Amino acid sequence: NTMYLQMDSLKLEDTAVYYCHQDLTDWF
């Protein structure tokens, strides 16, 4: 139940706060 973001060749411009979002169905 885990989502990932693999980030390669990072640049200075990638600096930020990263947020994940998931659309989930729980108990219908």
PDB file of all heavy atoms in Angstrom:
ATOM      1  N   ASN A   1       0.827  -1.210   0.000  1.00  0.00           N
ATOM      2  CA  ASN A   1       0.000   0.000   0.000  1.00  0.00           C
ATOM      3  C   ASN A   1       0.863   1.262   0.000  1.00  0.00           C
ATOM      4  O   ASN A   1       0.562   2.232   0.697  1.00  0.00           O
ATOM      5  CB  ASN A   1      -0.940   0.017   1.205  1.00  0.00           C
ATOM      6  CG  ASN A   1      -2.039  -1.013   1.098  1.00  0.00           C
ATOM      7  OD1 ASN A   1      -2.462  -1.379  -0.002  1.00  0.00           O
ATOM      8  ND2 ASN A   1      -2.507  -1.487   2.242  1.00  0.00           N
ATOM      9  N   THR A   2       1.910   1.229  -0.794  1.00  0.00           N
ATOM     10  CA  THR A   2       2.886   2.315  -0.796  1.00  0.00           C
ATOM     11  C   THR A   2       3.154   2.808  -2.212  1.00  0.00           C
ATOM     12  O   THR A   2       3.366   2.012  -3.134  1.00  0.00           O
ATOM     13  CB  THR A   2       4.204   1.870  -0.157  1.00  0.00           C
ATOM     14  OG1 THR A   2       3.959   1.448   1.192  1.00  0.00           O
ATOM     15  CG2 THR A   2       5.211   3.008  -0.132  1.00  0.00           C
ATOM     16  N   MET A   3       3.155   4.122  -2.361  1.00  0.00           N
ATOM     17  CA  MET A   3       3.473   4.772  -3.617  1.00  0.00           C
ATOM     18  C   MET A   3       4.843   5.405  -3.496  1.00  0.00           C
ATOM     19  O   MET A   3       5.224   5.892  -2.429  1.00  0.00           O
ATOM     20  CB  MET A   3       2.417   5.838  -3.922  1.00  0.00           C
ATOM     21  CG  MET A   3       2.451   6.421  -5.310  1.00  0.00           C
ATOM     22  SD  MET A   3       1.026   7.521  -5.582  1.00  0.00           S
ATOM     23  CE  MET A   3       1.425   8.839  -4.409  1.00  0.00           C
ATOM     24  N   TYR A   4       5.596   5.412  -4.602  1.00  0.00           N
ATOM     25  CA  TYR A   4       6.967   5.899  -4.584  1.00  0.00           C
ATOM     26  C   TYR A   4       7.198   6.957  -5.647  1.00  0.00           C
ATOM     27  O   TYR A   4       6.516   7.000  -6.675  1.00  0.00           O
ATOM     28  CB  TYR A   4       7.952   4.757  -4.832  1.00  0.00           C
ATOM     29  CG  TYR A   4       7.836   3.608  -3.866  1.00  0.00           C
ATOM     30  CD1 TYR A   4       7.056   2.497  -4.167  1.00  0.00           C
ATOM     31  CD2 TYR A   4       8.516   3.631  -2.651  1.00  0.00           C
ATOM     32  CE1 TYR A   4       6.954   1.435  -3.289  1.00  0.00           C
ATOM     33  CE2 TYR A   4       8.417   2.576  -1.764  1.00  0.00           C
ATOM     34  CZ  TYR A   4       7.638   1.483  -2.083  1.00  0.00           C
ATOM     35  OH  TYR A   4       7.534   0.430  -1.205  1.00  0.00           O
ATOM     36  N   LEU A   5       8.195   7.786  -5.394  1.00  0.00           N
ATOM     37  CA  LEU A   5       8.702   8.698  -6.403  1.00  0.00           C
ATOM     38  C   LEU A   5      10.219   8.580  -6.409  1.00  0.00           C
ATOM     39  O   LEU A   5      10.884   9.012  -5.465  1.00  0.00           O
ATOM     40  CB  LEU A   5       8.286  10.143  -6.129  1.00  0.00           C
ATOM     41  CG  LEU A   5       8.721  11.149  -7.199  1.00  0.00           C
ATOM     42  CD1 LEU A   5       7.964  10.888  -8.504  1.00  0.00           C
ATOM     43  CD2 LEU A   5       8.486  12.583  -6.737  1.00  0.00           C
ATOM     44  N   GLN A   6      10.749   7.964  -7.456  1.00  0.00           N
ATOM     45  CA  GLN A   6      12.188   7.862  -7.632  1.00  0.00           C
ATOM     46  C   GLN A   6      12.665   9.108  -8.361  1.00  0.00           C
ATOM     47  O   GLN A   6      12.205   9.402  -9.465  1.00  0.00           O
ATOM     48  CB  GLN A   6      12.542   6.610  -8.436  1.00  0.00           C
ATOM     49  CG  GLN A   6      14.027   6.449  -8.719  1.00  0.00           C
ATOM     50  CD  GLN A   6      14.836   6.190  -7.476  1.00  0.00           C
ATOM     51  OE1 GLN A   6      14.423   5.401  -6.626  1.00  0.00           O
ATOM     52  NE2 GLN A   6      15.982   6.847  -7.355  1.00  0.00           N
ATOM     53  N   MET A   7      13.583   9.836  -7.751  1.00  0.00           N
ATOM     54  CA  MET A   7      14.078  11.087  -8.309  1.00  0.00           C
ATOM     55  C   MET A   7      15.565  10.936  -8.604  1.00  0.00           C
ATOM     56  O   MET A   7      16.367  10.750  -7.688  1.00  0.00           O
ATOM     57  CB  MET A   7      13.830  12.246  -7.349  1.00  0.00           C
ATOM     58  CG  MET A   7      12.371  12.412  -6.947  1.00  0.00           C
ATOM     59  SD  MET A   7      12.086  13.869  -5.906  1.00  0.00           S
ATOM     60  CE  MET A   7      13.000  13.379  -4.443  1.00  0.00           C
ATOM     61  N   ASP A   8      15.916  11.029  -9.871  1.00  0.00           N
ATOM     62  CA  ASP A   8      17.300  10.917 -10.308  1.00  0.00           C
ATOM     63  C   ASP A   8      17.737  12.218 -10.970  1.00  0.00           C
ATOM     64  O   ASP A   8      16.919  13.029 -11.383  1.00  0.00           O
ATOM     65  CB  ASP A   8      17.466   9.759 -11.294  1.00  0.00           C
ATOM     66  CG  ASP A   8      17.131   8.404 -10.704  1.00  0.00           C
ATOM     67  OD1 ASP A   8      17.497   8.156  -9.540  1.00  0.00           O
ATOM     68  OD2 ASP A   8      16.506   7.591 -11.422  1.00  0.00           O
ATOM     69  N   SER A   9      19.044  12.387 -11.085  1.00  0.00           N
ATOM     70  CA  SER A   9      19.613  13.578 -11.726  1.00  0.00           C
ATOM     71  C   SER A   9      18.995  14.857 -11.169  1.00  0.00           C
ATOM     72  O   SER A   9      18.582  15.749 -11.912  1.00  0.00           O
ATOM     73  CB  SER A   9      19.411  13.509 -13.246  1.00  0.00           C
ATOM     74  OG  SER A   9      20.013  12.352 -13.785  1.00  0.00           O
ATOM     75  N   LEU A  10      18.955  14.945  -9.855  1.00  0.00           N
ATOM     76  CA  LEU A  10      18.300  16.068  -9.202  1.00  0.00           C
ATOM     77  C   LEU A  10      18.994  17.388  -9.514  1.00  0.00           C
ATOM     78  O   LEU A  10      20.224  17.464  -9.622  1.00  0.00           O
ATOM     79  CB  LEU A  10      18.249  15.840  -7.702  1.00  0.00           C
ATOM     80  CG  LEU A  10      17.172  14.848  -7.250  1.00  0.00           C
ATOM     81  CD1 LEU A  10      17.454  14.341  -5.849  1.00  0.00           C
ATOM     82  CD2 LEU A  10      15.798  15.510  -7.312  1.00  0.00           C
ATOM     83  N   LYS A  11      18.178  18.418  -9.649  1.00  0.00           N
ATOM     84  CA  LYS A  11      18.637  19.759  -9.937  1.00  0.00           C
ATOM     85  C   LYS A  11      18.274  20.695  -8.791  1.00  0.00           C
ATOM     86  O   LYS A  11      17.386  20.400  -7.994  1.00  0.00           O
ATOM     87  CB  LYS A  11      18.001  20.280 -11.225  1.00  0.00           C
ATOM     88  CG  LYS A  11      18.245  19.426 -12.450  1.00  0.00           C
ATOM     89  CD  LYS A  11      17.497  19.983 -13.647  1.00  0.00           C
ATOM     90  CE  LYS A  11      17.738  19.147 -14.887  1.00  0.00           C
ATOM     91  NZ  LYS A  11      16.998  19.687 -16.058  1.00  0.00           N
ATOM     92  N   LEU A  12      18.951  21.834  -8.731  1.00  0.00           N
ATOM     93  CA  LEU A  12      18.644  22.821  -7.702  1.00  0.00           C
ATOM     94  C   LEU A  12      17.170  23.223  -7.745  1.00  0.00           C
ATOM     95  O   LEU A  12      16.560  23.459  -6.695  1.00  0.00           O
ATOM     96  CB  LEU A  12      19.525  24.058  -7.864  1.00  0.00           C
ATOM     97  CG  LEU A  12      21.025  23.873  -7.650  1.00  0.00           C
ATOM     98  CD1 LEU A  12      21.754  25.184  -7.909  1.00  0.00           C
ATOM     99  CD2 LEU A  12      21.319  23.373  -6.246  1.00  0.00           C
ATOM    100  N   GLU A  13      16.608  23.279  -8.931  1.00  0.00           N
ATOM    101  CA  GLU A  13      15.221  23.688  -9.112  1.00  0.00           C
ATOM    102  C   GLU A  13      14.215  22.678  -8.566  1.00  0.00           C
ATOM    103  O   GLU A  13      13.023  22.981  -8.479  1.00  0.00           O
ATOM    104  CB  GLU A  13      14.931  23.927 -10.601  1.00  0.00           C
ATOM    105  CG  GLU A  13      15.879  24.908 -11.266  1.00  0.00           C
ATOM    106  CD  GLU A  13      17.112  24.224 -11.819  1.00  0.00           C
ATOM    107  OE1 GLU A  13      17.059  23.739 -12.973  1.00  0.00           O
ATOM    108  OE2 GLU A  13      18.137  24.176 -11.101  1.00  0.00           O
ATOM    109  N   ASP A  14      14.666  21.475  -8.219  1.00  0.00           N
ATOM    110  CA  ASP A  14      13.784  20.468  -7.647  1.00  0.00           C
ATOM    111  C   ASP A  14      13.548  20.677  -6.157  1.00  0.00           C
ATOM    112  O   ASP A  14      12.718  19.984  -5.559  1.00  0.00           O
ATOM    113  CB  ASP A  14      14.350  19.062  -7.870  1.00  0.00           C
ATOM    114  CG  ASP A  14      14.423  18.681  -9.336  1.00  0.00           C
ATOM    115  OD1 ASP A  14      13.473  19.001 -10.083  1.00  0.00           O
ATOM    116  OD2 ASP A  14      15.424  18.067  -9.733  1.00  0.00           O
ATOM    117  N   THR A  15      14.271  21.591  -5.547  1.00  0.00           N
ATOM    118  CA  THR A  15      14.107  21.869  -4.126  1.00  0.00           C
ATOM    119  C   THR A  15      12.686  22.334  -3.836  1.00  0.00           C
ATOM    120  O   THR A  15      12.205  23.304  -4.427  1.00  0.00           O
ATOM    121  CB  THR A  15      15.108  22.933  -3.663  1.00  0.00           C
ATOM    122  OG1 THR A  15      16.437  22.422  -3.793  1.00  0.00           O
ATOM    123  CG2 THR A  15      14.871  23.311  -2.214  1.00  0.00           C
ATOM    124  N   ALA A  16      12.001  21.635  -2.925  1.00  0.00           N
ATOM    125  CA  ALA A  16      10.615  21.941  -2.602  1.00  0.00           C
ATOM    126  C   ALA A  16      10.145  21.002  -1.500  1.00  0.00           C
ATOM    127  O   ALA A  16      10.847  20.058  -1.125  1.00  0.00           O
ATOM    128  CB  ALA A  16       9.719  21.781  -3.837  1.00  0.00           C
ATOM    129  N   VAL A  17       8.943  21.264  -0.995  1.00  0.00           N
ATOM    130  CA  VAL A  17       8.259  20.305  -0.143  1.00  0.00           C
ATOM    131  C   VAL A  17       7.412  19.430  -1.053  1.00  0.00           C
ATOM    132  O   VAL A  17       6.624  19.941  -1.852  1.00  0.00           O
ATOM    133  CB  VAL A  17       7.376  20.987   0.913  1.00  0.00           C
ATOM    134  CG1 VAL A  17       6.615  19.947   1.727  1.00  0.00           C
ATOM    135  CG2 VAL A  17       8.229  21.849   1.830  1.00  0.00           C
ATOM    136  N   TYR A  18       7.574  18.131  -0.944  1.00  0.00           N
ATOM    137  CA  TYR A  18       6.865  17.184  -1.785  1.00  0.00           C
ATOM    138  C   TYR A  18       5.722  16.538  -1.007  1.00  0.00           C
ATOM    139  O   TYR A  18       5.904  16.066   0.117  1.00  0.00           O
ATOM    140  CB  TYR A  18       7.816  16.101  -2.300  1.00  0.00           C
ATOM    141  CG  TYR A  18       8.708  16.591  -3.406  1.00  0.00           C
ATOM    142  CD1 TYR A  18       9.750  17.472  -3.137  1.00  0.00           C
ATOM    143  CD2 TYR A  18       8.513  16.188  -4.732  1.00  0.00           C
ATOM    144  CE1 TYR A  18      10.560  17.945  -4.154  1.00  0.00           C
ATOM    145  CE2 TYR A  18       9.327  16.656  -5.747  1.00  0.00           C
ATOM    146  CZ  TYR A  18      10.345  17.536  -5.452  1.00  0.00           C
ATOM    147  OH  TYR A  18      11.155  18.003  -6.459  1.00  0.00           O
ATOM    148  N   TYR A  19       4.549  16.528  -1.620  1.00  0.00           N
ATOM    149  CA  TYR A  19       3.351  15.968  -1.014  1.00  0.00           C
ATOM    150  C   TYR A  19       2.813  14.829  -1.877  1.00  0.00           C
ATOM    151  O   TYR A  19       2.730  14.961  -3.096  1.00  0.00           O
ATOM    152  CB  TYR A  19       2.245  17.014  -0.887  1.00  0.00           C
ATOM    153  CG  TYR A  19       2.589  18.195  -0.025  1.00  0.00           C
ATOM    154  CD1 TYR A  19       3.202  19.313  -0.561  1.00  0.00           C
ATOM    155  CD2 TYR A  19       2.279  18.191   1.335  1.00  0.00           C
ATOM    156  CE1 TYR A  19       3.510  20.405   0.233  1.00  0.00           C
ATOM    157  CE2 TYR A  19       2.576  19.276   2.134  1.00  0.00           C
ATOM    158  CZ  TYR A  19       3.195  20.382   1.574  1.00  0.00           C
ATOM    159  OH  TYR A  19       3.493  21.460   2.371  1.00  0.00           O
ATOM    160  N   CYS A  20       2.420  13.739  -1.242  1.00  0.00           N
ATOM    161  CA  CYS A  20       1.772  12.674  -1.986  1.00  0.00           C
ATOM    162  C   CYS A  20       0.266  12.779  -1.834  1.00  0.00           C
ATOM    163  O   CYS A  20      -0.246  13.284  -0.829  1.00  0.00           O
ATOM    164  CB  CYS A  20       2.268  11.295  -1.553  1.00  0.00           C
ATOM    165  SG  CYS A  20       1.859  10.806   0.141  1.00  0.00           S
ATOM    166  N   HIS A  21      -0.430  12.301  -2.839  1.00  0.00           N
ATOM    167  CA  HIS A  21      -1.887  12.273  -2.849  1.00  0.00           C
ATOM    168  C   HIS A  21      -2.341  10.916  -3.356  1.00  0.00           C
ATOM    169  O   HIS A  21      -1.785  10.392  -4.325  1.00  0.00           O
ATOM    170  CB  HIS A  21      -2.430  13.379  -3.756  1.00  0.00           C
ATOM    171  CG  HIS A  21      -3.860  13.177  -4.135  1.00  0.00           C
ATOM    172  ND1 HIS A  21      -4.239  12.650  -5.359  1.00  0.00           N
ATOM    173  CD2 HIS A  21      -5.009  13.417  -3.451  1.00  0.00           C
ATOM    174  CE1 HIS A  21      -5.560  12.580  -5.407  1.00  0.00           C
ATOM    175  NE2 HIS A  21      -6.039  13.035  -4.270  1.00  0.00           N
ATOM    176  N   GLN A  22      -3.343  10.354  -2.690  1.00  0.00           N
ATOM    177  CA  GLN A  22      -3.926   9.105  -3.151  1.00  0.00           C
ATOM    178  C   GLN A  22      -5.444   9.165  -3.075  1.00  0.00           C
ATOM    179  O   GLN A  22      -6.005   9.650  -2.086  1.00  0.00           O
ATOM    180  CB  GLN A  22      -3.413   7.911  -2.333  1.00  0.00           C
ATOM    181  CG  GLN A  22      -1.918   7.646  -2.480  1.00  0.00           C
ATOM    182  CD  GLN A  22      -1.486   6.339  -1.864  1.00  0.00           C
ATOM    183  OE1 GLN A  22      -2.164   5.310  -2.004  1.00  0.00           O
ATOM    184  NE2 GLN A  22      -0.346   6.355  -1.188  1.00  0.00           N
ATOM    185  N   ASP A  23      -6.071   8.684  -4.123  1.00  0.00           N
ATOM    186  CA  ASP A  23      -7.520   8.543  -4.197  1.00  0.00           C
ATOM    187  C   ASP A  23      -7.824   7.093  -3.824  1.00  0.00           C
ATOM    188  O   ASP A  23      -7.526   6.179  -4.588  1.00  0.00           O
ATOM    189  CB  ASP A  23      -7.989   8.875  -5.610  1.00  0.00           C
ATOM    190  CG  ASP A  23      -9.468   8.687  -5.826  1.00  0.00           C
ATOM    191  OD1 ASP A  23     -10.169   8.236  -4.899  1.00  0.00           O
ATOM    192  OD2 ASP A  23      -9.938   9.012  -6.935  1.00  0.00           O
ATOM    193  N   LEU A  24      -8.413   6.899  -2.650  1.00  0.00           N
ATOM    194  CA  LEU A  24      -8.593   5.559  -2.107  1.00  0.00           C
ATOM    195  C   LEU A  24     -10.047   5.277  -1.775  1.00  0.00           C
ATOM    196  O   LEU A  24     -10.803   6.178  -1.416  1.00  0.00           O
ATOM    197  CB  LEU A  24      -7.762   5.372  -0.836  1.00  0.00           C
ATOM    198  CG  LEU A  24      -6.254   5.611  -0.959  1.00  0.00           C
ATOM    199  CD1 LEU A  24      -5.597   5.533   0.407  1.00  0.00           C
ATOM    200  CD2 LEU A  24      -5.628   4.602  -1.912  1.00  0.00           C
ATOM    201  N   THR A  25     -10.419   4.004  -1.875  1.00  0.00           N
ATOM    202  CA  THR A  25     -11.731   3.540  -1.459  1.00  0.00           C
ATOM    203  C   THR A  25     -11.569   2.689  -0.208  1.00  0.00           C
ATOM    204  O   THR A  25     -10.916   1.648  -0.235  1.00  0.00           O
ATOM    205  CB  THR A  25     -12.416   2.721  -2.560  1.00  0.00           C
ATOM    206  OG1 THR A  25     -12.611   3.533  -3.716  1.00  0.00           O
ATOM    207  CG2 THR A  25     -13.771   2.211  -2.075  1.00  0.00           C
ATOM    208  N   ASP A  26     -12.151   3.157   0.892  1.00  0.00           N
ATOM    209  CA  ASP A  26     -12.067   2.491   2.183  1.00  0.00           C
ATOM    210  C   ASP A  26     -13.483   2.307   2.717  1.00  0.00           C
ATOM    211  O   ASP A  26     -14.208   3.287   2.884  1.00  0.00           O
ATOM    212  CB  ASP A  26     -11.228   3.323   3.146  1.00  0.00           C
ATOM    213  CG  ASP A  26     -11.069   2.666   4.509  1.00  0.00           C
ATOM    214  OD1 ASP A  26     -11.156   1.429   4.587  1.00  0.00           O
ATOM    215  OD2 ASP A  26     -10.839   3.404   5.492  1.00  0.00           O
ATOM    216  N   TRP A  27     -13.862   1.056   2.984  1.00  0.00           N
ATOM    217  CA  TRP A  27     -15.221   0.752   3.440  1.00  0.00           C
ATOM    218  C   TRP A  27     -16.262   1.378   2.505  1.00  0.00           C
ATOM    219  O   TRP A  27     -17.217   2.016   2.943  1.00  0.00           O
ATOM    220  CB  TRP A  27     -15.443   1.193   4.883  1.00  0.00           C
ATOM    221  CG  TRP A  27     -14.816   0.256   5.863  1.00  0.00           C
ATOM    222  CD1 TRP A  27     -13.622   0.397   6.484  1.00  0.00           C
ATOM    223  CD2 TRP A  27     -15.366  -0.990   6.321  1.00  0.00           C
ATOM    224  NE1 TRP A  27     -13.384  -0.677   7.299  1.00  0.00           N
ATOM    225  CE2 TRP A  27     -14.436  -1.549   7.226  1.00  0.00           C
ATOM    226  CE3 TRP A  27     -16.560  -1.684   6.068  1.00  0.00           C
ATOM    227  CZ2 TRP A  27     -14.657  -2.774   7.866  1.00  0.00           C
ATOM    228  CZ3 TRP A  27     -16.769  -2.906   6.702  1.00  0.00           C
ATOM    229  CH2 TRP A  27     -15.821  -3.429   7.587  1.00  0.00           C
ATOM    230  N   PHE A  28     -16.004   1.212   1.217  1.00  0.00           N
ATOM    231  CA  PHE A  28     -16.919   1.618   0.150  1.00  0.00           C
ATOM    232  C   PHE A  28     -17.013   3.131  -0.050  1.00  0.00           C
ATOM    233  O   PHE A  28     -17.833   3.592  -0.852  1.00  0.00           O
ATOM    234  CB  PHE A  28     -18.319   1.036   0.380  1.00  0.00           C
ATOM    235  CG  PHE A  28     -18.308  -0.427   0.699  1.00  0.00           C
ATOM    236  CD1 PHE A  28     -18.569  -0.883   1.988  1.00  0.00           C
ATOM    237  CD2 PHE A  28     -18.032  -1.351  -0.287  1.00  0.00           C
ATOM    238  CE1 PHE A  28     -18.553  -2.236   2.273  1.00  0.00           C
ATOM    239  CE2 PHE A  28     -18.016  -2.707  -0.008  1.00  0.00           C
ATOM    240  CZ  PHE A  28     -18.274  -3.149   1.276  1.00  0.00           C
TER     241      PHE A  28
END
